[in-house]
Amino acid sequence: MKKTRLLFVLAAVLLLAFTFTACAPAEDGGSSSGTESAAPEQAESSEQSSEAAAEALDVVYLMPSTESQYWGEYTLIGVENAVQDIQDEYGITINFSTAGPAQESETDAYIKAFENVIAKQPDAIITATTTPDATVPLVEEAFNQGILVNFLGMAVDDAYQEYYGTDFRSDQSALGESAAEAMLAKMEEKGIEPKGKIGIHMSVVTPSLELRIEAFKNYLAENAPEIECLDTLYNENDANNAQANVENQISTYGDEIIGFYGANNISGDGIALAVKNANISERIVSAAIDSDDLEIEALELGNLDAIIVQDPYKTAYDATMDVYNVLIEGKEMQKVVNIPCTIVTKENMEEDAIKALLNPLLNERS
């Protein structure tokens, strides 16, 4: 799809020329020269039929973790279904492949995988990154090669939006606020006074995801000022580490602990396991962001009180459909598309719509 990539590059450069002139670096003049030399080919290709120019798209889903249920299953099914729909509805052949490290903590392997994907020169890359700073040069390189990059919530800093297509994401602050709101509601329901310590747990430090933690703490500071949020403990996205961190806080603070907040699903797993083993579900509240099988079971048993779910299926599906809309239909890109989050509790988890949010594999097609 060289012609398709050329269309994307030309459109992106023109967008930069009109939108970012005031802040463009001096060397951009060289880039515009390259675009001008390509213009005759672009003019010639525009005379050909759209069907001939759109016979195939090469699309890669670069996951931050292939073994994560969230990335390797929940989002993957969204990408796969969108690929199928594009082929069935529009007659476009999608040459689809996946790449990525086994674990989110393997950031060097993620960067290497990104480099390898760029070397194959696909038309589009769909990805999420836990190492945004190191990803910036690769996003720039992909842009320079005419490769569209769409993100699933975990993107590079907004300062580099000109180099990628769209970030499909939930508002990270809204996720944190929703978790705090759910925990306070459960405290009232359980008759727990909002006074004591709350343990906060997360996988790794990722600037965009830290908003989940800051918003959580700010909401509690405003609405329950007698609650003390302990320093965040990071578990490298390892469930055993996550459980050990929670158990250490239970041992250290005892009855002073009134709740736990897991800012991702692996942290939620650790909380659920530790709460179950300590048999303290009745005297504490707990909430986590994003779901997996262990958390769903914990919600049923009462070892988690709430799961704040994004919509991984819709996020991935929409990001993939956007590849077709931008590269084939020529539709304008939105830099951010917000996907609302939902508070799930034991009381509403059996609703059909909630079931699909908790387990996107229900969207799997035969």
Protein backbone atom coordinates (compact mmCIF):
# COMPACT_ATOMS: atom_id res chain seq x y z
CA MET A 1 0.00 0.00 0.00
CA LYS A 2 2.72 2.47 -0.95
CA LYS A 3 0.15 4.80 -2.52
CA THR A 4 -1.98 4.73 0.62
CA ARG A 5 1.01 5.57 2.77
CA LEU A 6 1.84 8.41 0.39
CA LEU A 7 -1.68 9.77 0.78
CA PHE A 8 -1.26 9.73 4.55
CA VAL A 9 2.13 11.45 4.45
CA LEU A 10 0.91 14.16 2.09
CA ALA A 11 -2.18 14.84 4.18
CA ALA A 12 -0.15 14.93 7.39
CA VAL A 13 2.47 17.29 5.98
CA LEU A 14 -0.19 19.62 4.59
CA LEU A 15 -1.88 19.59 7.99
CA LEU A 16 1.39 20.53 9.64
CA ALA A 17 2.03 23.28 7.11
CA PHE A 18 -1.25 25.02 7.90
CA THR A 19 -1.55 24.20 11.60
CA PHE A 20 1.91 24.14 13.07
CA THR A 21 3.76 26.80 11.04
CA ALA A 22 4.39 28.99 14.06
CA CYS A 23 6.15 26.26 16.02
CA ALA A 24 7.77 24.27 13.21
CA PRO A 25 11.56 23.81 13.43
CA ALA A 26 13.78 25.23 10.68
CA GLU A 27 14.68 21.84 9.24
CA ASP A 28 11.04 21.19 8.29
CA GLY A 29 11.88 22.85 4.99
CA GLY A 30 13.71 19.69 3.97
CA SER A 31 10.64 17.57 4.64
CA SER A 32 8.43 19.78 2.49
CA SER A 33 10.92 19.45 -0.35
CA GLY A 34 10.54 15.68 -0.22
CA THR A 35 6.79 16.03 -0.35
CA GLU A 36 6.95 18.25 -3.42
CA SER A 37 9.02 15.68 -5.30
CA ALA A 38 6.33 13.09 -4.60
CA ALA A 39 3.49 15.30 -5.85
CA PRO A 40 3.58 14.17 -9.54
CA GLU A 41 3.21 10.53 -8.48
CA GLN A 42 0.35 11.53 -6.19
CA ALA A 43 -1.40 13.38 -9.01
CA GLU A 44 -1.01 10.39 -11.31
CA SER A 45 -2.25 7.92 -8.71
CA SER A 46 -5.36 9.99 -8.04
CA GLU A 47 -6.52 9.21 -11.56
CA GLN A 48 -6.60 5.50 -10.82
CA SER A 49 -9.64 3.81 -9.35
CA SER A 50 -9.98 3.78 -5.57
CA GLU A 51 -10.48 0.02 -5.71
CA ALA A 52 -7.07 -0.49 -7.31
CA ALA A 53 -5.39 1.75 -4.73
CA ALA A 54 -7.09 0.00 -1.85
CA GLU A 55 -6.54 -3.66 -2.55
CA ALA A 56 -4.80 -4.33 0.77
CA LEU A 57 -3.68 -2.78 4.04
CA ASP A 58 -0.86 -4.09 6.20
CA VAL A 59 -1.85 -3.60 9.84
CA VAL A 60 0.12 -4.61 12.95
CA TYR A 61 -1.21 -4.71 16.50
CA LEU A 62 1.84 -4.08 18.70
CA MET A 63 0.84 -5.09 22.23
CA PRO A 64 2.64 -4.00 25.41
CA SER A 65 2.07 -7.57 26.67
CA THR A 66 1.03 -10.64 24.71
CA GLU A 67 0.37 -12.64 27.89
CA SER A 68 -1.83 -10.01 29.55
CA GLN A 69 -5.51 -10.90 29.41
CA TYR A 70 -6.33 -7.23 28.89
CA TRP A 71 -4.00 -6.76 25.91
CA GLY A 72 -3.62 -10.29 24.58
CA GLU A 73 -7.33 -11.14 24.70
CA TYR A 74 -9.69 -8.26 25.52
CA THR A 75 -8.27 -5.68 23.12
CA LEU A 76 -7.11 -8.25 20.58
CA ILE A 77 -10.66 -9.48 19.96
CA GLY A 78 -11.69 -5.89 19.20
CA VAL A 79 -8.91 -5.51 16.63
CA GLU A 80 -9.66 -8.90 15.06
CA ASN A 81 -13.39 -8.20 14.74
CA ALA A 82 -12.73 -4.82 13.15
CA VAL A 83 -10.32 -6.41 10.67
CA GLN A 84 -13.01 -8.94 9.76
CA ASP A 85 -15.65 -6.23 9.34
CA ILE A 86 -13.41 -4.08 7.13
CA GLN A 87 -12.78 -7.04 4.87
CA ASP A 88 -16.41 -8.17 4.77
CA GLU A 89 -18.03 -4.75 4.40
CA TYR A 90 -15.55 -2.92 2.19
CA GLY A 91 -13.75 -5.66 0.29
CA ILE A 92 -10.37 -4.57 1.59
CA THR A 93 -7.78 -7.26 2.27
CA ILE A 94 -6.14 -6.74 5.65
CA ASN A 95 -2.77 -8.39 6.13
CA PHE A 96 -2.95 -8.49 9.91
CA SER A 97 -0.26 -9.51 12.38
CA THR A 98 0.61 -9.03 16.04
CA ALA A 99 3.83 -8.30 17.89
CA GLY A 100 5.02 -7.37 21.36
CA PRO A 101 6.79 -8.63 24.49
CA ALA A 102 5.36 -11.20 26.86
CA GLN A 103 5.09 -8.82 29.82
CA GLU A 104 4.42 -5.09 30.19
CA SER A 105 7.57 -4.74 32.27
CA GLU A 106 9.71 -5.80 29.28
CA THR A 107 9.96 -2.26 27.94
CA ASP A 108 13.24 -2.85 26.08
CA ALA A 109 11.61 -5.75 24.25
CA TYR A 110 8.65 -3.53 23.38
CA ILE A 111 10.95 -0.91 21.86
CA LYS A 112 12.80 -3.58 19.88
CA ALA A 113 9.49 -4.98 18.64
CA PHE A 114 8.42 -1.49 17.57
CA GLU A 115 11.66 -1.08 15.61
CA ASN A 116 11.11 -4.43 13.90
CA VAL A 117 7.54 -3.53 12.98
CA ILE A 118 8.61 -0.22 11.44
CA ALA A 119 11.25 -2.05 9.40
CA LYS A 120 8.45 -4.08 7.78
CA GLN A 121 6.80 -0.82 6.68
CA PRO A 122 3.14 -1.62 7.39
CA ASP A 123 0.43 0.88 6.57
CA ALA A 124 -0.67 1.18 10.19
CA ILE A 125 0.39 0.25 13.72
CA ILE A 126 -2.09 -0.01 16.58
CA THR A 127 -0.36 0.04 19.95
CA ALA A 128 -0.14 1.16 23.58
CA THR A 129 3.08 1.98 25.39
CA THR A 130 4.23 1.74 28.99
CA THR A 131 7.42 3.61 28.12
CA PRO A 132 6.23 6.80 26.40
CA ASP A 133 9.51 8.73 26.36
CA ALA A 134 11.40 5.90 24.66
CA THR A 135 8.54 5.47 22.20
CA VAL A 136 8.61 9.06 20.92
CA PRO A 137 11.51 8.58 18.43
CA LEU A 138 9.80 5.50 17.01
CA VAL A 139 6.50 7.30 16.54
CA GLU A 140 8.38 10.08 14.75
CA GLU A 141 10.16 7.52 12.55
CA ALA A 142 6.88 5.80 11.72
CA PHE A 143 5.37 9.16 10.78
CA ASN A 144 8.34 9.98 8.55
CA GLN A 145 7.85 6.67 6.76
CA GLY A 146 4.15 7.30 6.22
CA ILE A 147 2.97 4.76 8.79
CA LEU A 148 -0.21 5.64 10.68
CA VAL A 149 0.07 4.98 14.43
CA ASN A 150 -3.08 4.78 16.57
CA PHE A 151 -2.86 4.41 20.35
CA LEU A 152 -5.10 2.54 22.78
CA GLY A 153 -5.09 4.80 25.82
CA MET A 154 -1.39 4.62 26.66
CA ALA A 155 0.22 7.05 24.24
CA VAL A 156 3.25 9.29 24.01
CA ASP A 157 2.95 12.77 25.49
CA ASP A 158 0.35 15.03 23.91
CA ALA A 159 3.19 17.33 22.81
CA TYR A 160 3.91 14.78 20.06
CA GLN A 161 0.35 14.43 18.77
CA GLU A 162 1.39 15.63 15.32
CA TYR A 163 3.29 12.36 14.79
CA TYR A 164 0.47 9.91 15.40
CA GLY A 165 -3.12 9.47 14.33
CA THR A 166 -5.57 9.14 17.21
CA ASP A 167 -5.42 8.10 20.85
CA PHE A 168 -8.56 6.16 21.77
CA ARG A 169 -8.70 6.39 25.54
CA SER A 170 -10.69 6.73 28.70
CA ASP A 171 -10.11 9.88 30.70
CA GLN A 172 -7.47 8.73 33.19
CA SER A 173 -8.55 11.23 35.82
CA ALA A 174 -12.15 10.05 35.50
CA LEU A 175 -10.99 6.49 36.16
CA GLY A 176 -9.31 7.51 39.41
CA GLU A 177 -12.21 9.67 40.54
CA SER A 178 -14.68 6.88 39.79
CA ALA A 179 -12.65 4.45 41.89
CA ALA A 180 -12.62 6.86 44.83
CA GLU A 181 -16.34 7.52 44.43
CA ALA A 182 -17.10 3.80 44.39
CA MET A 183 -14.99 3.16 47.48
CA LEU A 184 -16.68 5.91 49.50
CA ALA A 185 -20.09 4.57 48.48
CA LYS A 186 -19.09 1.08 49.63
CA MET A 187 -17.78 2.45 52.94
CA GLU A 188 -21.17 3.97 53.61
CA GLU A 189 -22.89 0.74 52.58
CA LYS A 190 -20.67 -1.36 54.87
CA GLY A 191 -20.82 1.10 57.75
CA ILE A 192 -17.08 1.82 57.60
CA GLU A 193 -16.09 5.27 58.85
CA PRO A 194 -14.06 7.13 56.19
CA LYS A 195 -11.13 7.54 58.52
CA GLY A 196 -7.93 5.52 58.20
CA LYS A 197 -5.35 4.44 55.65
CA ILE A 198 -5.76 3.31 52.06
CA GLY A 199 -3.09 1.37 50.20
CA ILE A 200 -2.52 2.34 46.57
CA HIS A 201 -1.00 -0.12 44.12
CA MET A 202 0.17 0.13 40.51
CA SER A 203 2.29 -1.78 37.98
CA VAL A 204 4.97 0.65 36.81
CA VAL A 205 5.37 4.41 36.66
CA THR A 206 3.74 5.64 33.46
CA PRO A 207 3.11 9.41 33.38
CA SER A 208 -0.29 9.24 31.70
CA LEU A 209 -1.49 6.50 34.06
CA GLU A 210 -0.28 8.36 37.14
CA LEU A 211 -3.32 10.57 36.58
CA ARG A 212 -5.42 7.63 37.81
CA ILE A 213 -3.62 7.86 41.12
CA GLU A 214 -3.51 11.64 41.48
CA ALA A 215 -7.21 12.00 40.69
CA PHE A 216 -8.05 9.24 43.18
CA LYS A 217 -6.13 10.98 45.96
CA ASN A 218 -7.51 14.40 45.10
CA TYR A 219 -11.10 13.12 45.18
CA LEU A 220 -10.58 11.57 48.61
CA ALA A 221 -8.82 14.68 49.93
CA GLU A 222 -11.84 16.75 48.97
CA ASN A 223 -14.59 14.34 50.00
CA ALA A 224 -13.01 12.32 52.84
CA PRO A 225 -10.17 14.40 54.31
CA GLU A 226 -9.61 12.03 57.25
CA ILE A 227 -8.46 9.27 54.91
CA GLU A 228 -4.70 8.96 54.49
CA CYS A 229 -3.44 7.61 51.17
CA LEU A 230 -0.23 5.65 51.65
CA ASP A 231 2.62 5.97 49.16
CA THR A 232 1.98 4.06 45.96
CA LEU A 233 3.63 0.64 45.78
CA TYR A 234 4.68 -0.62 42.34
CA ASN A 235 4.70 -4.31 41.47
CA GLU A 236 6.28 -4.42 37.96
CA ASN A 237 2.99 -5.86 36.73
CA ASP A 238 3.66 -9.13 38.54
CA ALA A 239 0.69 -10.61 40.41
CA ASN A 240 2.91 -12.24 43.04
CA ASN A 241 4.62 -8.93 43.77
CA ALA A 242 1.25 -7.21 43.86
CA GLN A 243 -0.10 -9.67 46.41
CA ALA A 244 3.05 -9.43 48.53
CA ASN A 245 2.85 -5.62 48.59
CA VAL A 246 -0.74 -5.71 49.84
CA GLU A 247 0.01 -8.39 52.43
CA ASN A 248 2.92 -6.32 53.75
CA GLN A 249 0.61 -3.36 54.26
CA ILE A 250 -1.95 -5.53 56.03
CA SER A 251 0.79 -6.79 58.37
CA THR A 252 2.26 -3.33 58.93
CA TYR A 253 -0.89 -1.28 59.49
CA GLY A 254 -3.43 -3.85 60.71
CA ASP A 255 -6.79 -2.32 61.58
CA GLU A 256 -5.64 1.12 60.42
CA ILE A 257 -6.10 -0.05 56.84
CA ILE A 258 -9.64 0.57 55.61
CA GLY A 259 -9.15 0.03 51.90
CA PHE A 260 -7.04 -0.74 48.86
CA TYR A 261 -6.98 0.77 45.40
CA GLY A 262 -5.42 -1.03 42.43
CA ALA A 263 -4.77 1.30 39.50
CA ASN A 264 -4.60 -1.59 37.02
CA ASN A 265 -5.90 -5.15 36.82
CA ILE A 266 -2.74 -6.92 38.01
CA SER A 267 -2.74 -4.70 41.10
CA GLY A 268 -6.40 -5.60 41.52
CA ASP A 269 -5.46 -9.28 41.36
CA GLY A 270 -2.95 -8.79 44.16
CA ILE A 271 -5.50 -6.96 46.30
CA ALA A 272 -8.16 -9.62 45.76
CA LEU A 273 -5.82 -12.48 46.69
CA ALA A 274 -4.44 -10.72 49.77
CA VAL A 275 -7.88 -9.70 51.02
CA LYS A 276 -9.14 -13.26 50.56
CA ASN A 277 -6.17 -14.80 52.39
CA ALA A 278 -6.45 -12.32 55.27
CA ASN A 279 -10.24 -12.73 55.43
CA ILE A 280 -10.78 -8.98 55.82
CA SER A 281 -13.32 -8.26 53.09
CA GLU A 282 -16.01 -7.24 55.61
CA ARG A 283 -13.95 -4.53 57.30
CA ILE A 284 -12.26 -2.92 54.27
CA VAL A 285 -13.26 -1.67 50.83
CA SER A 286 -11.35 -2.23 47.62
CA ALA A 287 -11.51 -1.15 44.01
CA ALA A 288 -9.41 -1.69 40.90
CA ILE A 289 -9.22 -0.46 37.33
CA ASP A 290 -9.68 -2.90 34.44
CA SER A 291 -10.95 -6.46 34.73
CA ASP A 292 -9.73 -10.00 34.33
CA ASP A 293 -11.02 -13.43 35.33
CA LEU A 294 -9.53 -13.31 38.81
CA GLU A 295 -11.05 -9.90 39.54
CA ILE A 296 -14.47 -10.92 38.23
CA GLU A 297 -14.46 -13.91 40.58
CA ALA A 298 -13.29 -11.67 43.44
CA LEU A 299 -16.16 -9.27 42.77
CA GLU A 300 -18.64 -12.15 42.96
CA LEU A 301 -17.11 -13.37 46.25
CA GLY A 302 -16.82 -9.91 47.80
CA ASN A 303 -13.02 -9.73 47.85
CA LEU A 304 -13.25 -6.73 45.53
CA ASP A 305 -16.01 -4.16 45.94
CA ALA A 306 -15.77 -2.42 42.58
CA ILE A 307 -14.02 -2.64 39.24
CA ILE A 308 -13.75 0.48 37.13
CA VAL A 309 -13.78 -0.75 33.57
CA GLN A 310 -12.77 0.98 30.43
CA ASP A 311 -14.09 -0.54 27.22
CA PRO A 312 -11.11 -2.40 25.77
CA TYR A 313 -13.19 -4.00 23.04
CA LYS A 314 -14.65 -0.72 21.75
CA THR A 315 -11.32 1.07 22.13
CA ALA A 316 -9.50 -1.50 20.00
CA TYR A 317 -12.35 -1.92 17.52
CA ASP A 318 -12.67 1.81 16.91
CA ALA A 319 -8.91 2.31 16.61
CA THR A 320 -8.79 -0.36 13.91
CA MET A 321 -11.81 0.94 11.99
CA ASP A 322 -10.14 4.34 12.09
CA VAL A 323 -7.26 2.93 10.04
CA TYR A 324 -9.70 2.24 7.21
CA ASN A 325 -11.48 5.58 7.64
CA VAL A 326 -8.25 7.58 7.48
CA LEU A 327 -6.17 5.66 4.96
CA ILE A 328 -8.90 4.57 2.56
CA GLU A 329 -11.77 7.02 3.06
CA GLY A 330 -9.49 9.99 3.76
CA LYS A 331 -11.49 11.08 6.80
CA GLU A 332 -10.05 13.69 9.13
CA MET A 333 -8.26 12.40 12.21
CA GLN A 334 -9.32 13.30 15.75
CA LYS A 335 -6.33 13.44 18.05
CA VAL A 336 -8.25 12.09 21.05
CA VAL A 337 -11.41 9.98 21.19
CA ASN A 338 -12.77 9.57 24.71
CA ILE A 339 -14.22 6.19 25.70
CA PRO A 340 -16.28 6.52 28.93
CA CYS A 341 -15.58 4.29 31.93
CA THR A 342 -18.12 2.35 34.02
CA ILE A 343 -18.28 1.43 37.72
CA VAL A 344 -19.05 -2.27 38.11
CA THR A 345 -20.19 -3.76 41.43
CA LYS A 346 -21.66 -7.05 42.54
CA GLU A 347 -25.09 -5.47 42.20
CA ASN A 348 -24.86 -4.67 38.47
CA MET A 349 -22.33 -7.20 37.18
CA GLU A 350 -25.00 -9.58 35.85
CA GLU A 351 -26.49 -7.03 33.48
CA ASP A 352 -25.84 -8.01 29.86
CA ALA A 353 -24.09 -4.77 28.94
CA ILE A 354 -21.87 -5.00 32.02
CA LYS A 355 -21.00 -8.63 31.33
CA ALA A 356 -19.61 -7.65 27.94
CA LEU A 357 -17.55 -4.87 29.52
CA LEU A 358 -16.13 -7.23 32.13
CA ASN A 359 -15.41 -9.97 29.62
CA PRO A 360 -14.97 -8.68 26.05
CA LEU A 361 -14.41 -12.26 24.90
CA LEU A 362 -18.20 -12.50 24.82
CA ASN A 363 -17.81 -10.53 21.57
CA GLU A 364 -15.79 -13.35 20.04
CA ARG A 365 -17.20 -14.61 16.76
CA SER A 366 -17.30 -18.23 15.66
